[in-house]
Amino acid sequence: MREYNFKASDSTGEMLMGLGFPFSFMGVAGLILTLRLILFPKIKYSSYVDNIYLEKFLIIVPALIITACLMKVIKKYSIKNYHIYEDKEMLKIENDKKVIELAYTAIKDIKFNKKGNKISKCYKLIIKTNSKDLKFFVRPKENHFGGATENDFNNLENFYLFLKEKISK
């Protein structure tokens, strides 16, 4: 019985991380600006200071700091620990919340892409089945959207080679 463990995100997690930063930044910046206008309505734009960049600084810097904290929370929920093993003639894929049982005969095709190097390194495995596609995205910890180690990259590649061998039979 072969087992593969790695940290990866799925297509939903990728969408959350990709859209999370711009939406959270604009939302937090808008909230800070709205609070400033509600709490201090008599202070006109740059009337109390000669430096026009101060008000922009007082909105953008806190928004960036709060957004960075929100992105850590989003990253925590979008990157999952996957445990994949074979059980008789079935492939079981477990992540933190659910278990998917997949027969080898249900797999139509598999694709594996390697992109980038060092911080921009990304491995993508797509398993096409009869009903839906399973996607795994593995990125290094140094990347803001990743959380994998070098061992995770090797495990995903070994899993691809194992699946390729099983499907070709």
N, C-alpha and C. Protein backbone atom coordinates (compact mmCIF):
# COMPACT_ATOMS: atom_id res chain seq x y z
N MET A 1 0.84 -1.18 0.00
CA MET A 1 0.00 0.00 0.00
C MET A 1 0.88 1.25 0.00
N ARG A 2 0.64 2.11 -0.95
CA ARG A 2 1.42 3.34 -1.04
C ARG A 2 0.65 4.49 -0.42
N GLU A 3 1.40 5.38 0.24
CA GLU A 3 0.80 6.54 0.89
C GLU A 3 1.56 7.79 0.46
N TYR A 4 0.79 8.87 0.29
CA TYR A 4 1.38 10.16 -0.08
C TYR A 4 0.76 11.23 0.80
N ASN A 5 1.61 12.05 1.40
CA ASN A 5 1.17 13.16 2.25
C ASN A 5 1.78 14.45 1.73
N PHE A 6 0.96 15.47 1.57
CA PHE A 6 1.47 16.77 1.16
C PHE A 6 0.47 17.85 1.51
N LYS A 7 0.96 19.09 1.57
CA LYS A 7 0.11 20.25 1.81
C LYS A 7 -0.14 20.92 0.47
N ALA A 8 -1.41 21.13 0.16
CA ALA A 8 -1.77 21.74 -1.12
C ALA A 8 -3.08 22.49 -0.97
N SER A 9 -3.36 23.31 -1.95
CA SER A 9 -4.66 23.96 -2.01
C SER A 9 -5.41 23.43 -3.22
N ASP A 10 -6.71 23.55 -3.17
CA ASP A 10 -7.53 23.13 -4.30
C ASP A 10 -7.97 24.37 -5.08
N SER A 11 -8.84 24.20 -6.05
CA SER A 11 -9.25 25.33 -6.87
C SER A 11 -10.02 26.38 -6.07
N THR A 12 -10.79 25.95 -5.08
CA THR A 12 -11.52 26.91 -4.23
C THR A 12 -10.54 27.73 -3.39
N GLY A 13 -9.54 27.07 -2.84
CA GLY A 13 -8.53 27.77 -2.05
C GLY A 13 -7.74 28.76 -2.88
N GLU A 14 -7.44 28.39 -4.11
CA GLU A 14 -6.72 29.30 -5.01
C GLU A 14 -7.56 30.55 -5.29
N MET A 15 -8.85 30.34 -5.49
CA MET A 15 -9.72 31.48 -5.75
C MET A 15 -9.82 32.38 -4.52
N LEU A 16 -9.93 31.77 -3.34
CA LEU A 16 -9.99 32.55 -2.11
C LEU A 16 -8.73 33.40 -1.91
N MET A 17 -7.58 32.81 -2.13
CA MET A 17 -6.33 33.55 -1.93
C MET A 17 -6.13 34.61 -3.01
N GLY A 18 -6.51 34.29 -4.24
CA GLY A 18 -6.32 35.25 -5.33
C GLY A 18 -7.22 36.47 -5.21
N LEU A 19 -8.46 36.26 -4.80
CA LEU A 19 -9.39 37.37 -4.67
C LEU A 19 -9.38 37.98 -3.27
N GLY A 20 -8.83 37.25 -2.31
CA GLY A 20 -8.85 37.71 -0.92
C GLY A 20 -8.08 38.99 -0.70
N PHE A 21 -6.90 39.12 -1.29
CA PHE A 21 -6.09 40.31 -1.04
C PHE A 21 -6.75 41.58 -1.57
N PRO A 22 -7.12 41.65 -2.86
CA PRO A 22 -7.69 42.91 -3.32
C PRO A 22 -9.02 43.27 -2.64
N PHE A 23 -9.87 42.28 -2.41
CA PHE A 23 -11.15 42.58 -1.77
C PHE A 23 -10.96 43.00 -0.31
N SER A 24 -10.09 42.31 0.40
CA SER A 24 -9.90 42.68 1.81
C SER A 24 -9.20 44.03 1.93
N PHE A 25 -8.23 44.32 1.07
CA PHE A 25 -7.54 45.61 1.13
C PHE A 25 -8.52 46.75 0.85
N MET A 26 -9.30 46.61 -0.22
CA MET A 26 -10.24 47.69 -0.56
C MET A 26 -11.33 47.81 0.50
N GLY A 27 -11.78 46.69 1.04
CA GLY A 27 -12.80 46.74 2.09
C GLY A 27 -12.29 47.40 3.36
N VAL A 28 -11.09 47.05 3.78
CA VAL A 28 -10.53 47.63 5.00
C VAL A 28 -10.21 49.11 4.79
N ALA A 29 -9.64 49.46 3.63
CA ALA A 29 -9.35 50.87 3.35
C ALA A 29 -10.64 51.68 3.30
N GLY A 30 -11.68 51.13 2.68
CA GLY A 30 -12.96 51.82 2.65
C GLY A 30 -13.56 51.97 4.04
N LEU A 31 -13.43 50.95 4.87
CA LEU A 31 -13.93 51.00 6.24
C LEU A 31 -13.19 52.07 7.05
N ILE A 32 -11.87 52.13 6.92
CA ILE A 32 -11.08 53.13 7.64
C ILE A 32 -11.47 54.53 7.19
N LEU A 33 -11.62 54.72 5.88
CA LEU A 33 -12.00 56.03 5.36
C LEU A 33 -13.41 56.41 5.83
N THR A 34 -14.33 55.47 5.83
CA THR A 34 -15.69 55.73 6.30
C THR A 34 -15.71 56.09 7.78
N LEU A 35 -14.96 55.35 8.59
CA LEU A 35 -14.88 55.66 10.02
C LEU A 35 -14.28 57.04 10.25
N ARG A 36 -13.27 57.40 9.49
CA ARG A 36 -12.67 58.72 9.63
C ARG A 36 -13.67 59.81 9.28
N LEU A 37 -14.44 59.60 8.22
CA LEU A 37 -15.43 60.60 7.82
C LEU A 37 -16.59 60.69 8.82
N ILE A 38 -16.96 59.57 9.45
CA ILE A 38 -18.05 59.58 10.44
C ILE A 38 -17.57 60.17 11.77
N LEU A 39 -16.39 59.75 12.23
CA LEU A 39 -15.89 60.21 13.53
C LEU A 39 -15.36 61.64 13.51
N PHE A 40 -14.78 62.05 12.40
CA PHE A 40 -14.19 63.39 12.30
C PHE A 40 -14.71 64.11 11.05
N PRO A 41 -16.00 64.46 11.02
CA PRO A 41 -16.56 65.05 9.80
C PRO A 41 -16.12 66.49 9.54
N LYS A 42 -15.70 67.21 10.58
CA LYS A 42 -15.34 68.62 10.39
C LYS A 42 -13.94 68.81 9.86
N ILE A 43 -13.12 67.77 9.93
CA ILE A 43 -11.75 67.88 9.43
C ILE A 43 -11.79 67.67 7.92
N LYS A 44 -11.44 68.68 7.19
CA LYS A 44 -11.43 68.59 5.74
C LYS A 44 -10.14 67.90 5.30
N TYR A 45 -10.14 67.42 4.08
CA TYR A 45 -8.98 66.73 3.52
C TYR A 45 -7.76 67.64 3.53
N SER A 46 -6.74 67.28 4.26
CA SER A 46 -5.46 67.97 4.35
C SER A 46 -5.56 69.40 4.87
N SER A 47 -6.63 69.75 5.58
CA SER A 47 -6.74 71.12 6.11
C SER A 47 -5.93 71.28 7.40
N TYR A 48 -5.67 70.19 8.10
CA TYR A 48 -4.97 70.28 9.36
C TYR A 48 -3.47 70.04 9.24
N VAL A 49 -3.01 69.67 8.08
CA VAL A 49 -1.59 69.39 7.87
C VAL A 49 -1.19 69.92 6.50
N ASP A 50 0.03 70.39 6.38
CA ASP A 50 0.52 70.85 5.08
C ASP A 50 0.88 69.69 4.16
N ASN A 51 1.14 68.52 4.74
CA ASN A 51 1.55 67.35 3.95
C ASN A 51 0.31 66.57 3.50
N ILE A 52 0.06 66.53 2.19
CA ILE A 52 -1.13 65.85 1.67
C ILE A 52 -1.00 64.33 1.72
N TYR A 53 0.22 63.82 1.89
CA TYR A 53 0.43 62.38 1.90
C TYR A 53 0.15 61.76 3.26
N LEU A 54 0.01 62.57 4.29
CA LEU A 54 -0.21 62.03 5.63
C LEU A 54 -1.54 61.28 5.74
N GLU A 55 -2.61 61.87 5.21
CA GLU A 55 -3.91 61.20 5.29
C GLU A 55 -3.92 59.91 4.48
N LYS A 56 -3.29 59.92 3.32
CA LYS A 56 -3.20 58.70 2.52
C LYS A 56 -2.40 57.64 3.28
N PHE A 57 -1.33 58.06 3.94
CA PHE A 57 -0.50 57.16 4.73
C PHE A 57 -1.30 56.57 5.90
N LEU A 58 -2.13 57.41 6.54
CA LEU A 58 -2.92 56.97 7.69
C LEU A 58 -4.06 56.04 7.29
N ILE A 59 -4.39 55.96 6.02
CA ILE A 59 -5.41 55.02 5.55
C ILE A 59 -4.76 53.76 4.98
N ILE A 60 -3.73 53.91 4.17
CA ILE A 60 -3.14 52.78 3.45
C ILE A 60 -2.33 51.86 4.35
N VAL A 61 -1.51 52.39 5.23
CA VAL A 61 -0.66 51.55 6.07
C VAL A 61 -1.47 50.65 7.01
N PRO A 62 -2.46 51.20 7.75
CA PRO A 62 -3.27 50.28 8.57
C PRO A 62 -4.04 49.27 7.73
N ALA A 63 -4.49 49.69 6.54
CA ALA A 63 -5.22 48.75 5.67
C ALA A 63 -4.30 47.62 5.22
N LEU A 64 -3.05 47.92 4.91
CA LEU A 64 -2.09 46.87 4.52
C LEU A 64 -1.79 45.92 5.68
N ILE A 65 -1.66 46.46 6.87
CA ILE A 65 -1.36 45.63 8.03
C ILE A 65 -2.53 44.71 8.35
N ILE A 66 -3.74 45.25 8.34
CA ILE A 66 -4.92 44.43 8.63
C ILE A 66 -5.13 43.40 7.52
N THR A 67 -4.88 43.78 6.27
CA THR A 67 -5.02 42.85 5.15
C THR A 67 -4.02 41.71 5.27
N ALA A 68 -2.79 42.00 5.68
CA ALA A 68 -1.79 40.93 5.87
C ALA A 68 -2.27 39.93 6.92
N CYS A 69 -2.88 40.42 7.99
CA CYS A 69 -3.40 39.50 9.02
C CYS A 69 -4.57 38.68 8.47
N LEU A 70 -5.45 39.31 7.69
CA LEU A 70 -6.56 38.58 7.09
C LEU A 70 -6.07 37.52 6.11
N MET A 71 -5.02 37.82 5.36
CA MET A 71 -4.49 36.86 4.40
C MET A 71 -3.89 35.64 5.08
N LYS A 72 -3.33 35.82 6.27
CA LYS A 72 -2.84 34.67 7.03
C LYS A 72 -3.98 33.74 7.42
N VAL A 73 -5.10 34.33 7.79
CA VAL A 73 -6.28 33.53 8.15
C VAL A 73 -6.82 32.80 6.92
N ILE A 74 -6.90 33.51 5.79
CA ILE A 74 -7.39 32.90 4.55
C ILE A 74 -6.46 31.77 4.12
N LYS A 75 -5.15 31.99 4.23
CA LYS A 75 -4.17 30.97 3.86
C LYS A 75 -4.31 29.73 4.74
N LYS A 76 -4.60 29.94 6.01
CA LYS A 76 -4.77 28.82 6.94
C LYS A 76 -5.94 27.92 6.52
N TYR A 77 -7.02 28.53 6.03
CA TYR A 77 -8.19 27.75 5.64
C TYR A 77 -8.12 27.20 4.22
N SER A 78 -7.28 27.76 3.37
CA SER A 78 -7.26 27.29 1.99
C SER A 78 -6.20 26.22 1.73
N ILE A 79 -5.17 26.13 2.55
CA ILE A 79 -4.15 25.09 2.38
C ILE A 79 -4.50 23.92 3.31
N LYS A 80 -4.64 22.75 2.71
CA LYS A 80 -5.06 21.57 3.46
C LYS A 80 -3.97 20.50 3.43
N ASN A 81 -3.98 19.65 4.43
CA ASN A 81 -3.10 18.49 4.48
C ASN A 81 -3.81 17.34 3.78
N TYR A 82 -3.20 16.83 2.72
CA TYR A 82 -3.79 15.71 1.99
C TYR A 82 -3.06 14.44 2.34
N HIS A 83 -3.83 13.38 2.56
CA HIS A 83 -3.30 12.04 2.82
C HIS A 83 -3.96 11.13 1.78
N ILE A 84 -3.15 10.59 0.88
CA ILE A 84 -3.66 9.77 -0.21
C ILE A 84 -3.08 8.37 -0.08
N TYR A 85 -3.94 7.38 -0.16
CA TYR A 85 -3.49 5.99 -0.10
C TYR A 85 -4.44 5.13 -0.90
N GLU A 86 -3.95 3.94 -1.26
CA GLU A 86 -4.81 3.02 -2.01
C GLU A 86 -5.38 1.97 -1.05
N ASP A 87 -6.65 1.69 -1.27
CA ASP A 87 -7.36 0.70 -0.47
C ASP A 87 -7.99 -0.27 -1.45
N LYS A 88 -7.37 -1.44 -1.61
CA LYS A 88 -7.75 -2.43 -2.62
C LYS A 88 -7.59 -1.80 -4.00
N GLU A 89 -8.65 -1.68 -4.77
CA GLU A 89 -8.56 -1.05 -6.09
C GLU A 89 -9.17 0.35 -6.10
N MET A 90 -9.20 0.96 -4.94
CA MET A 90 -9.73 2.31 -4.79
C MET A 90 -8.62 3.24 -4.32
N LEU A 91 -8.74 4.47 -4.71
CA LEU A 91 -7.82 5.51 -4.27
C LEU A 91 -8.57 6.39 -3.28
N LYS A 92 -8.06 6.53 -2.06
CA LYS A 92 -8.71 7.36 -1.05
C LYS A 92 -7.91 8.63 -0.87
N ILE A 93 -8.60 9.75 -1.01
CA ILE A 93 -7.98 11.07 -0.85
C ILE A 93 -8.64 11.73 0.35
N GLU A 94 -7.86 11.92 1.41
CA GLU A 94 -8.37 12.55 2.63
C GLU A 94 -7.72 13.91 2.79
N ASN A 95 -8.54 14.91 3.10
CA ASN A 95 -7.98 16.17 3.54
C ASN A 95 -8.53 16.45 4.93
N ASP A 96 -8.40 17.67 5.41
CA ASP A 96 -8.77 17.97 6.78
C ASP A 96 -10.26 17.74 7.06
N LYS A 97 -11.11 17.84 6.03
CA LYS A 97 -12.55 17.78 6.28
C LYS A 97 -13.27 16.62 5.62
N LYS A 98 -12.78 16.11 4.51
CA LYS A 98 -13.55 15.10 3.79
C LYS A 98 -12.67 14.01 3.20
N VAL A 99 -13.33 12.91 2.81
CA VAL A 99 -12.67 11.76 2.20
C VAL A 99 -13.32 11.53 0.84
N ILE A 100 -12.48 11.39 -0.18
CA ILE A 100 -12.97 11.10 -1.53
C ILE A 100 -12.46 9.72 -1.91
N GLU A 101 -13.37 8.85 -2.29
CA GLU A 101 -12.99 7.53 -2.78
C GLU A 101 -13.10 7.56 -4.30
N LEU A 102 -12.04 7.13 -4.96
CA LEU A 102 -11.97 7.23 -6.41
C LEU A 102 -11.46 5.91 -6.98
N ALA A 103 -12.23 5.35 -7.89
CA ALA A 103 -11.79 4.12 -8.57
C ALA A 103 -10.82 4.50 -9.69
N TYR A 104 -9.86 3.64 -9.93
CA TYR A 104 -8.88 3.93 -10.99
C TYR A 104 -9.55 3.96 -12.36
N THR A 105 -10.65 3.22 -12.51
CA THR A 105 -11.34 3.20 -13.80
C THR A 105 -12.10 4.51 -14.05
N ALA A 106 -12.37 5.27 -13.00
CA ALA A 106 -13.09 6.55 -13.16
C ALA A 106 -12.18 7.67 -13.62
N ILE A 107 -10.87 7.47 -13.52
CA ILE A 107 -9.91 8.51 -13.90
C ILE A 107 -9.74 8.49 -15.42
N LYS A 108 -10.05 9.60 -16.06
CA LYS A 108 -9.92 9.70 -17.51
C LYS A 108 -8.51 10.12 -17.91
N ASP A 109 -7.99 11.13 -17.23
CA ASP A 109 -6.70 11.68 -17.62
C ASP A 109 -6.07 12.38 -16.42
N ILE A 110 -4.75 12.50 -16.45
CA ILE A 110 -4.05 13.26 -15.42
C ILE A 110 -3.06 14.20 -16.10
N LYS A 111 -2.93 15.38 -15.56
CA LYS A 111 -1.98 16.36 -16.07
C LYS A 111 -1.15 16.87 -14.92
N PHE A 112 0.12 17.10 -15.20
CA PHE A 112 1.04 17.58 -14.18
C PHE A 112 1.87 18.71 -14.77
N ASN A 113 1.88 19.86 -14.10
CA ASN A 113 2.65 21.02 -14.56
C ASN A 113 3.61 21.48 -13.48
N LYS A 114 4.82 21.79 -13.92
CA LYS A 114 5.82 22.40 -13.03
C LYS A 114 6.11 23.78 -13.57
N LYS A 115 5.99 24.79 -12.71
CA LYS A 115 6.27 26.15 -13.15
C LYS A 115 7.16 26.84 -12.14
N GLY A 116 7.98 27.76 -12.63
CA GLY A 116 8.79 28.61 -11.78
C GLY A 116 9.89 27.88 -11.04
N ASN A 117 10.59 28.66 -10.22
CA ASN A 117 11.63 28.12 -9.36
C ASN A 117 11.72 28.96 -8.09
N LYS A 118 12.30 28.41 -7.07
CA LYS A 118 12.45 29.01 -5.75
C LYS A 118 11.13 29.54 -5.21
N ILE A 119 10.96 30.85 -5.07
CA ILE A 119 9.76 31.40 -4.41
C ILE A 119 8.51 31.30 -5.29
N SER A 120 8.68 31.31 -6.61
CA SER A 120 7.52 31.26 -7.50
C SER A 120 7.22 29.83 -7.98
N LYS A 121 7.86 28.86 -7.37
CA LYS A 121 7.68 27.46 -7.76
C LYS A 121 6.25 27.00 -7.49
N CYS A 122 5.65 26.33 -8.46
CA CYS A 122 4.28 25.83 -8.31
C CYS A 122 4.13 24.53 -9.09
N TYR A 123 3.67 23.50 -8.41
CA TYR A 123 3.34 22.23 -9.05
C TYR A 123 1.82 22.12 -9.06
N LYS A 124 1.29 21.73 -10.21
CA LYS A 124 -0.17 21.60 -10.33
C LYS A 124 -0.50 20.23 -10.89
N LEU A 125 -1.33 19.49 -10.17
CA LEU A 125 -1.78 18.17 -10.61
C LEU A 125 -3.28 18.22 -10.81
N ILE A 126 -3.73 17.84 -12.01
CA ILE A 126 -5.16 17.80 -12.32
C ILE A 126 -5.53 16.35 -12.63
N ILE A 127 -6.49 15.83 -11.89
CA ILE A 127 -7.00 14.48 -12.12
C ILE A 127 -8.40 14.63 -12.69
N LYS A 128 -8.55 14.28 -13.96
CA LYS A 128 -9.85 14.38 -14.63
C LYS A 128 -10.61 13.08 -14.44
N THR A 129 -11.82 13.20 -13.91
CA THR A 129 -12.66 12.03 -13.67
C THR A 129 -13.96 12.17 -14.46
N ASN A 130 -14.82 11.18 -14.30
CA ASN A 130 -16.11 11.21 -14.99
C ASN A 130 -16.99 12.36 -14.51
N SER A 131 -16.97 12.64 -13.23
CA SER A 131 -17.87 13.64 -12.67
C SER A 131 -17.25 15.03 -12.54
N LYS A 132 -16.04 15.14 -11.99
CA LYS A 132 -15.41 16.45 -11.83
C LYS A 132 -13.90 16.30 -11.82
N ASP A 133 -13.22 17.42 -11.87
CA ASP A 133 -11.76 17.43 -11.86
C ASP A 133 -11.26 17.73 -10.45
N LEU A 134 -10.25 17.00 -10.03
CA LEU A 134 -9.57 17.26 -8.77
C LEU A 134 -8.28 18.00 -9.08
N LYS A 135 -8.07 19.13 -8.42
CA LYS A 135 -6.87 19.93 -8.67
C LYS A 135 -6.11 20.12 -7.37
N PHE A 136 -4.79 19.97 -7.47
CA PHE A 136 -3.90 20.19 -6.33
C PHE A 136 -2.84 21.20 -6.74
N PHE A 137 -2.68 22.27 -5.95
CA PHE A 137 -1.67 23.29 -6.20
C PHE A 137 -0.71 23.29 -5.01
N VAL A 138 0.58 23.09 -5.28
CA VAL A 138 1.58 23.06 -4.22
C VAL A 138 2.55 24.21 -4.47
N ARG A 139 2.69 25.07 -3.45
CA ARG A 139 3.62 26.20 -3.51
C ARG A 139 4.48 26.21 -2.25
N PRO A 140 5.71 26.76 -2.34
CA PRO A 140 6.59 26.76 -1.15
C PRO A 140 6.11 27.71 -0.06
N LYS A 141 6.59 27.50 1.15
CA LYS A 141 6.22 28.34 2.29
C LYS A 141 6.63 29.80 2.09
N GLU A 142 7.70 30.04 1.37
CA GLU A 142 8.19 31.40 1.17
C GLU A 142 7.20 32.22 0.34
N ASN A 143 6.42 31.57 -0.47
CA ASN A 143 5.40 32.23 -1.28
C ASN A 143 4.23 32.59 -0.37
N HIS A 144 3.62 33.75 -0.60
CA HIS A 144 2.50 34.18 0.25
C HIS A 144 1.28 33.28 0.12
N PHE A 145 1.19 32.53 -1.00
CA PHE A 145 0.03 31.67 -1.24
C PHE A 145 0.34 30.21 -0.99
N GLY A 146 1.49 29.88 -0.44
CA GLY A 146 1.88 28.48 -0.28
C GLY A 146 2.18 28.10 1.15
N GLY A 147 2.43 26.81 1.34
CA GLY A 147 2.76 26.32 2.67
C GLY A 147 3.47 24.99 2.63
N ALA A 148 4.07 24.65 1.48
CA ALA A 148 4.67 23.33 1.30
C ALA A 148 6.18 23.34 1.51
N THR A 149 6.69 22.17 1.85
CA THR A 149 8.12 21.97 1.95
C THR A 149 8.60 21.23 0.69
N GLU A 150 9.88 21.04 0.58
CA GLU A 150 10.43 20.31 -0.58
C GLU A 150 9.92 18.87 -0.61
N ASN A 151 9.70 18.29 0.55
CA ASN A 151 9.15 16.93 0.64
C ASN A 151 7.75 16.85 0.03
N ASP A 152 6.95 17.91 0.21
CA ASP A 152 5.61 17.93 -0.37
C ASP A 152 5.66 17.94 -1.89
N PHE A 153 6.62 18.67 -2.45
CA PHE A 153 6.78 18.69 -3.91
C PHE A 153 7.14 17.30 -4.43
N ASN A 154 8.06 16.66 -3.73
CA ASN A 154 8.48 15.30 -4.13
C ASN A 154 7.32 14.30 -4.01
N ASN A 155 6.54 14.41 -2.94
CA ASN A 155 5.40 13.50 -2.76
C ASN A 155 4.35 13.69 -3.85
N LEU A 156 4.08 14.93 -4.24
CA LEU A 156 3.11 15.16 -5.30
C LEU A 156 3.61 14.60 -6.63
N GLU A 157 4.89 14.78 -6.91
CA GLU A 157 5.46 14.25 -8.15
C GLU A 157 5.45 12.71 -8.15
N ASN A 158 5.77 12.10 -7.01
CA ASN A 158 5.73 10.64 -6.91
C ASN A 158 4.29 10.12 -7.04
N PHE A 159 3.33 10.85 -6.50
CA PHE A 159 1.93 10.48 -6.64
C PHE A 159 1.51 10.53 -8.12
N TYR A 160 1.96 11.55 -8.82
CA TYR A 160 1.66 11.65 -10.26
C TYR A 160 2.24 10.46 -11.02
N LEU A 161 3.48 10.12 -10.73
CA LEU A 161 4.12 8.99 -11.42
C LEU A 161 3.40 7.67 -11.09
N PHE A 162 2.98 7.51 -9.86
CA PHE A 162 2.20 6.33 -9.46
C PHE A 162 0.89 6.27 -10.21
N LEU A 163 0.16 7.39 -10.28
CA LEU A 163 -1.12 7.41 -11.00
C LEU A 163 -0.93 7.15 -12.49
N LYS A 164 0.12 7.71 -13.05
CA LYS A 164 0.39 7.53 -14.48
C LYS A 164 0.62 6.05 -14.79
N GLU A 165 1.35 5.40 -13.89
CA GLU A 165 1.62 3.97 -14.04
C GLU A 165 0.33 3.15 -13.91
N LYS A 166 -0.51 3.49 -12.93
CA LYS A 166 -1.76 2.75 -12.71
C LYS A 166 -2.75 2.95 -13.87
N ILE A 167 -2.82 4.15 -14.41
CA ILE A 167 -3.77 4.46 -15.47
C ILE A 167 -3.35 3.81 -16.79
N SER A 168 -2.07 3.74 -17.03
CA SER A 168 -1.58 3.19 -18.31
C SER A 168 -1.79 1.68 -18.39
N LYS A 169 -2.02 1.00 -17.28
CA LYS A 169 -2.22 -0.45 -17.31
C LYS A 169 -3.55 -0.85 -17.86
